[in-house]
Amino acid sequence: MRARMILAGIGTTLALFSASPAQPAPLPSGTVNQGGISVLVQGSGTDIILIPGFASSYEVWADLASRLRQSHRLHLVQVAGFAGSPAVSDPDGRVVAPTAEAIAEYIRSQRIESPVIIGHSLGGEVALMLGARHPDQVGRLMIVDAMPFYTLLFDPFATSETAAPHAAAMRDAMLAATPEQAEAMQHASIARLAKTEAVRPGLVAAGINSDRKTMADAMYELLVSDLRPELGRIKVPVEVVYAYDLLFGVEAAQVDAMFRNAYASTPNISFRRIDGSFHFIMLDQPELFASAVIRFLNQ
């Protein structure tokens, strides 16, 4: 099924990529540091905060940024520990919730009024946390191929409690993965997440330079975090953009139903499916994705 394909791809990718030691990369000049994130600001106009996903650099937004920076002020988030960014230790072993809080503090400290939040994968869950936990700080949310509770992809009847043993096993497997395993599997893993072959080397490089513990902790947190009870607190419009491809091996209607059921308690929500894409929609279908974003911004 499509859900198993995506989660298998994400899980395998993270387990293997996180086996490689991170090599911190220098951040561009003009970057603002805020707790567990750094933010590169480009352009001027309406504020848009772009949050990448697992093991990803803010560079996944490069095409979209080139289209928007003339009329919008873009805040490109880099999560600590991902894609060569130095890791930040959290005493509770969390990544996702601290990232949401760091972005909320960034919005306050920079006096940004009602920004649009666009988040992919893990970044989508961060966006949901911002909308639910800081509803007066955001203007609207676009969630890109993300679920409010990732264990639903394994078990539609799961709870946070029942998810914990499996999540712990996945975390432990990530921490135990060897460089040899990573070398053997990383290209196959990225092939599950990005349909476009030309973009895969960059995703591989970002993953290789991600911190092992950060990724393991992030996967565990996502698998046990069920945001569905919080979705009703979101006050602003939400659009969920998700991928579909015939290679998923299921009917498009099944994928549609999966996303709609997961977000059933979200007020003021809309859905947009983009066909011919795997998980990295912005890289597989840049024209369609950019069009969807522009329509969302103009609503």
Protein backbone atom coordinates (compact mmCIF):
# COMPACT_ATOMS: atom_id res chain seq x y z
CA MET A 1 0.00 0.00 0.00
CA ARG A 2 0.99 3.62 -0.49
CA ALA A 3 1.14 4.24 3.27
CA ARG A 4 3.48 1.32 3.83
CA MET A 5 5.66 2.42 0.94
CA ILE A 6 6.10 5.91 2.33
CA LEU A 7 6.70 4.86 5.90
CA ALA A 8 9.03 2.07 4.86
CA GLY A 9 10.96 4.56 2.78
CA ILE A 10 11.11 7.11 5.57
CA GLY A 11 12.00 4.58 8.24
CA THR A 12 14.67 2.82 6.21
CA THR A 13 16.13 6.07 5.02
CA LEU A 14 16.38 7.51 8.50
CA ALA A 15 17.74 4.34 10.02
CA LEU A 16 20.49 4.16 7.47
CA PHE A 17 21.28 7.81 6.99
CA SER A 18 21.53 8.34 10.71
CA ALA A 19 24.29 5.74 10.86
CA SER A 20 26.69 8.23 9.28
CA PRO A 21 28.32 10.91 11.43
CA ALA A 22 27.19 14.44 10.73
CA GLN A 23 29.62 16.93 9.23
CA PRO A 24 28.31 20.37 10.22
CA ALA A 25 28.01 22.70 7.22
CA PRO A 26 28.44 26.46 7.49
CA LEU A 27 25.18 28.37 7.34
CA PRO A 28 24.76 31.26 4.89
CA SER A 29 25.30 34.81 6.09
CA GLY A 30 22.10 36.45 7.25
CA THR A 31 20.92 33.33 9.06
CA VAL A 32 19.08 33.88 12.36
CA ASN A 33 19.66 31.30 15.12
CA GLN A 34 16.76 30.56 17.47
CA GLY A 35 17.16 27.62 19.84
CA GLY A 36 17.00 24.38 17.87
CA ILE A 37 16.57 26.05 14.50
CA SER A 38 18.33 28.47 12.19
CA VAL A 39 16.40 30.58 9.71
CA LEU A 40 17.54 32.05 6.39
CA VAL A 41 15.47 35.08 5.38
CA GLN A 42 14.98 35.99 1.71
CA GLY A 43 12.84 38.49 -0.16
CA SER A 44 10.25 40.96 1.09
CA GLY A 45 6.49 41.04 1.41
CA THR A 46 4.01 38.70 3.07
CA ASP A 47 5.74 36.35 5.52
CA ILE A 48 5.98 32.64 4.72
CA ILE A 49 7.77 30.16 7.00
CA LEU A 50 8.99 27.01 5.19
CA ILE A 51 9.82 23.95 7.30
CA PRO A 52 11.58 20.94 5.71
CA GLY A 53 11.14 17.32 6.75
CA PHE A 54 13.26 14.39 7.90
CA ALA A 55 16.98 14.67 7.18
CA SER A 56 16.24 17.55 4.84
CA SER A 57 17.87 20.89 4.18
CA TYR A 58 15.93 24.09 3.57
CA GLU A 59 17.27 23.69 0.02
CA VAL A 60 14.32 21.39 -0.78
CA TRP A 61 12.37 24.65 -1.10
CA ALA A 62 14.80 26.21 -3.62
CA ASP A 63 12.47 26.06 -6.62
CA LEU A 64 9.48 27.38 -4.69
CA ALA A 65 11.62 30.11 -3.09
CA SER A 66 12.81 31.30 -6.50
CA ARG A 67 9.18 31.83 -7.50
CA LEU A 68 8.03 33.55 -4.31
CA ARG A 69 10.88 35.69 -3.00
CA GLN A 70 10.05 38.64 -5.27
CA SER A 71 6.70 39.15 -3.58
CA HIS A 72 7.06 37.42 -0.20
CA ARG A 73 9.47 37.41 2.72
CA LEU A 74 10.57 33.79 3.10
CA HIS A 75 11.84 32.31 6.35
CA LEU A 76 13.66 29.09 5.41
CA VAL A 77 13.98 26.93 8.52
CA GLN A 78 16.86 24.53 9.12
CA VAL A 79 16.24 22.06 11.97
CA ALA A 80 19.27 21.44 14.17
CA GLY A 81 20.87 18.05 13.50
CA PHE A 82 19.52 17.73 9.96
CA ALA A 83 21.56 18.01 6.76
CA GLY A 84 24.81 19.02 8.44
CA SER A 85 23.34 21.56 10.83
CA PRO A 86 24.91 21.05 14.30
CA ALA A 87 22.73 18.98 16.62
CA VAL A 88 21.16 20.44 19.76
CA SER A 89 20.64 18.17 22.74
CA ASP A 90 17.17 18.04 24.30
CA PRO A 91 16.99 16.58 27.84
CA ASP A 92 13.77 14.74 26.99
CA GLY A 93 15.08 13.36 23.69
CA ARG A 94 12.56 15.30 21.61
CA VAL A 95 12.99 17.04 18.27
CA VAL A 96 9.58 17.86 16.81
CA ALA A 97 7.91 19.69 19.70
CA PRO A 98 11.03 21.76 20.54
CA THR A 99 11.24 22.75 16.87
CA ALA A 100 7.65 24.01 17.00
CA GLU A 101 8.40 25.99 20.14
CA ALA A 102 11.58 27.44 18.63
CA ILE A 103 9.60 28.63 15.58
CA ALA A 104 6.91 30.11 17.83
CA GLU A 105 9.60 32.03 19.70
CA TYR A 106 11.15 33.12 16.40
CA ILE A 107 7.77 34.50 15.29
CA ARG A 108 7.48 36.42 18.57
CA SER A 109 11.05 37.71 18.65
CA GLN A 110 10.96 38.87 15.02
CA ARG A 111 7.49 40.40 15.47
CA ILE A 112 6.07 38.51 12.49
CA GLU A 113 2.33 38.97 12.05
CA SER A 114 0.24 35.96 11.01
CA PRO A 115 2.77 34.17 8.80
CA VAL A 116 1.80 31.45 6.37
CA ILE A 117 3.35 28.16 7.53
CA ILE A 118 4.28 25.52 4.95
CA GLY A 119 5.71 22.26 6.33
CA HIS A 120 6.72 19.03 4.61
CA SER A 121 6.70 15.64 6.37
CA LEU A 122 8.10 16.24 9.88
CA GLY A 123 7.76 19.93 9.07
CA GLY A 124 4.07 19.35 8.47
CA GLU A 125 3.68 17.97 11.97
CA VAL A 126 5.58 20.99 13.30
CA ALA A 127 3.12 23.22 11.43
CA LEU A 128 0.18 21.40 13.01
CA MET A 129 1.70 21.90 16.46
CA LEU A 130 2.08 25.61 15.76
CA GLY A 131 -1.51 25.89 14.61
CA ALA A 132 -2.91 23.97 17.59
CA ARG A 133 -0.62 25.24 20.36
CA HIS A 134 -0.07 28.79 19.15
CA PRO A 135 -3.27 29.49 17.19
CA ASP A 136 -2.97 33.28 17.39
CA GLN A 137 0.55 33.36 15.94
CA VAL A 138 -0.15 31.85 12.52
CA GLY A 139 -2.11 33.00 9.50
CA ARG A 140 -2.74 29.78 7.59
CA LEU A 141 -1.18 26.33 7.28
CA MET A 142 -0.18 24.17 4.33
CA ILE A 143 0.67 20.60 5.34
CA VAL A 144 2.67 18.74 2.70
CA ASP A 145 2.38 14.93 2.68
CA ALA A 146 2.27 14.66 6.47
CA MET A 147 0.03 12.88 8.96
CA PRO A 148 -1.09 14.01 12.43
CA PHE A 149 -0.19 10.53 13.78
CA TYR A 150 2.29 8.56 11.71
CA THR A 151 1.59 5.19 13.32
CA LEU A 152 -1.78 5.24 11.53
CA LEU A 153 0.22 4.18 8.48
CA PHE A 154 0.99 0.93 10.30
CA ASP A 155 -2.16 0.48 12.36
CA PRO A 156 -5.39 2.49 11.88
CA PHE A 157 -6.45 1.60 15.45
CA ALA A 158 -3.20 2.59 17.15
CA THR A 159 -2.84 4.82 20.19
CA SER A 160 0.22 6.59 21.50
CA GLU A 161 0.58 3.86 24.12
CA THR A 162 0.34 0.93 21.72
CA ALA A 163 2.73 2.68 19.33
CA ALA A 164 5.52 3.04 21.90
CA PRO A 165 7.07 -0.47 21.70
CA HIS A 166 7.30 -0.40 17.91
CA ALA A 167 8.63 3.16 17.97
CA ALA A 168 11.30 2.17 20.48
CA ALA A 169 12.32 -0.78 18.32
CA MET A 170 12.69 1.49 15.29
CA ARG A 171 14.71 3.99 17.29
CA ASP A 172 17.02 1.27 18.57
CA ALA A 173 17.48 -0.11 15.05
CA MET A 174 18.47 3.33 13.81
CA LEU A 175 21.04 3.72 16.55
CA ALA A 176 22.48 0.27 15.83
CA ALA A 177 22.67 0.66 12.03
CA THR A 178 26.17 0.33 10.57
CA PRO A 179 27.83 2.36 7.80
CA GLU A 180 27.92 -0.83 5.71
CA GLN A 181 24.15 -1.14 5.94
CA ALA A 182 23.77 2.50 5.00
CA GLU A 183 26.01 2.11 1.96
CA ALA A 184 23.97 -0.87 0.78
CA MET A 185 20.51 0.64 1.26
CA GLN A 186 20.46 4.42 1.14
CA HIS A 187 19.86 4.78 -2.60
CA ALA A 188 17.02 2.26 -2.50
CA SER A 189 15.47 4.16 0.40
CA ILE A 190 15.54 7.51 -1.36
CA ALA A 191 13.98 5.84 -4.40
CA ARG A 192 10.88 5.26 -2.25
CA LEU A 193 10.66 8.92 -1.34
CA ALA A 194 11.60 10.80 -4.53
CA LYS A 195 10.41 9.68 -7.94
CA THR A 196 12.73 12.05 -9.82
CA GLU A 197 16.16 10.48 -10.14
CA ALA A 198 17.94 13.80 -10.62
CA VAL A 199 17.03 15.02 -7.12
CA ARG A 200 18.06 11.87 -5.29
CA PRO A 201 21.80 12.61 -4.88
CA GLY A 202 21.06 15.82 -3.00
CA LEU A 203 18.66 14.04 -0.67
CA VAL A 204 21.21 11.29 -0.11
CA ALA A 205 23.86 13.88 0.78
CA ALA A 206 21.53 15.67 3.21
CA GLY A 207 20.72 12.39 4.92
CA ILE A 208 24.34 11.30 5.19
CA ASN A 209 25.13 14.58 6.95
CA SER A 210 22.30 14.25 9.46
CA ASP A 211 22.92 13.42 13.10
CA ARG A 212 22.13 9.82 14.11
CA LYS A 213 20.57 10.55 17.49
CA THR A 214 18.52 13.47 16.20
CA MET A 215 16.95 11.26 13.55
CA ALA A 216 16.29 8.37 15.91
CA ASP A 217 14.67 10.66 18.47
CA ALA A 218 12.60 12.39 15.79
CA MET A 219 11.25 9.11 14.42
CA TYR A 220 10.32 7.88 17.89
CA GLU A 221 8.57 11.16 18.71
CA LEU A 222 6.57 11.16 15.49
CA LEU A 223 5.44 7.57 15.92
CA VAL A 224 4.10 8.17 19.45
CA SER A 225 2.71 11.70 18.94
CA ASP A 226 -0.99 11.72 18.13
CA LEU A 227 -2.03 15.27 17.29
CA ARG A 228 -5.59 14.40 16.29
CA PRO A 229 -7.07 15.48 19.67
CA GLU A 230 -5.43 18.90 19.18
CA LEU A 231 -6.55 19.59 15.62
CA GLY A 232 -9.82 21.20 16.71
CA ARG A 233 -7.85 24.05 18.32
CA ILE A 234 -6.55 25.27 14.95
CA LYS A 235 -8.31 28.53 14.07
CA VAL A 236 -6.84 29.25 10.65
CA PRO A 237 -7.39 27.69 7.21
CA VAL A 238 -5.50 24.46 6.62
CA GLU A 239 -4.72 22.83 3.29
CA VAL A 240 -3.27 19.33 3.14
CA VAL A 241 -1.34 18.65 -0.06
CA TYR A 242 -0.47 15.01 -0.62
CA ALA A 243 1.09 12.80 -3.26
CA TYR A 244 -0.25 9.97 -5.36
CA ASP A 245 1.34 7.76 -7.98
CA LEU A 246 0.23 4.54 -9.65
CA LEU A 247 3.37 2.88 -8.28
CA PHE A 248 1.81 3.07 -4.82
CA GLY A 249 -0.23 0.05 -5.87
CA VAL A 250 -3.55 1.31 -4.46
CA GLU A 251 -6.47 3.29 -5.79
CA ALA A 252 -6.28 7.05 -5.50
CA ALA A 253 -9.59 6.96 -3.61
CA GLN A 254 -7.97 4.93 -0.83
CA VAL A 255 -5.23 7.53 -0.42
CA ASP A 256 -7.84 10.30 -0.43
CA ALA A 257 -9.78 8.54 2.32
CA MET A 258 -6.67 7.95 4.43
CA PHE A 259 -5.84 11.65 4.58
CA ARG A 260 -9.42 12.80 5.09
CA ASN A 261 -9.98 10.35 7.93
CA ALA A 262 -6.76 11.37 9.67
CA TYR A 263 -7.74 15.06 9.60
CA ALA A 264 -11.47 14.58 10.26
CA SER A 265 -11.48 16.80 13.37
CA THR A 266 -9.76 19.76 11.68
CA PRO A 267 -12.00 22.79 11.06
CA ASN A 268 -11.68 24.88 7.91
CA ILE A 269 -9.65 22.27 6.04
CA SER A 270 -9.19 21.50 2.36
CA PHE A 271 -7.26 18.81 0.50
CA ARG A 272 -5.28 18.81 -2.71
CA ARG A 273 -3.81 15.66 -4.27
CA ILE A 274 -0.86 15.98 -6.64
CA ASP A 275 -0.45 12.98 -8.92
CA GLY A 276 2.76 11.63 -10.39
CA SER A 277 4.75 12.25 -7.23
CA PHE A 278 6.27 10.40 -4.30
CA HIS A 279 6.83 11.95 -0.87
CA PHE A 280 8.96 14.92 -2.01
CA ILE A 281 6.20 16.64 -3.97
CA MET A 282 8.06 19.93 -4.29
CA LEU A 283 10.90 18.10 -6.10
CA ASP A 284 8.88 15.59 -8.13
CA GLN A 285 6.20 18.01 -9.35
CA PRO A 286 7.60 21.54 -8.85
CA GLU A 287 5.22 23.25 -11.29
CA LEU A 288 2.07 21.67 -9.86
CA PHE A 289 3.27 22.20 -6.31
CA ALA A 290 4.13 25.86 -6.89
CA SER A 291 0.72 26.40 -8.51
CA ALA A 292 -0.97 24.84 -5.48
CA VAL A 293 0.98 27.10 -3.11
CA ILE A 294 0.20 30.23 -5.12
CA ARG A 295 -3.51 29.38 -5.22
CA PHE A 296 -3.44 28.80 -1.46
CA LEU A 297 -1.71 32.14 -0.85
CA ASN A 298 -4.24 33.97 -3.01
CA GLN A 299 -7.35 32.54 -1.35
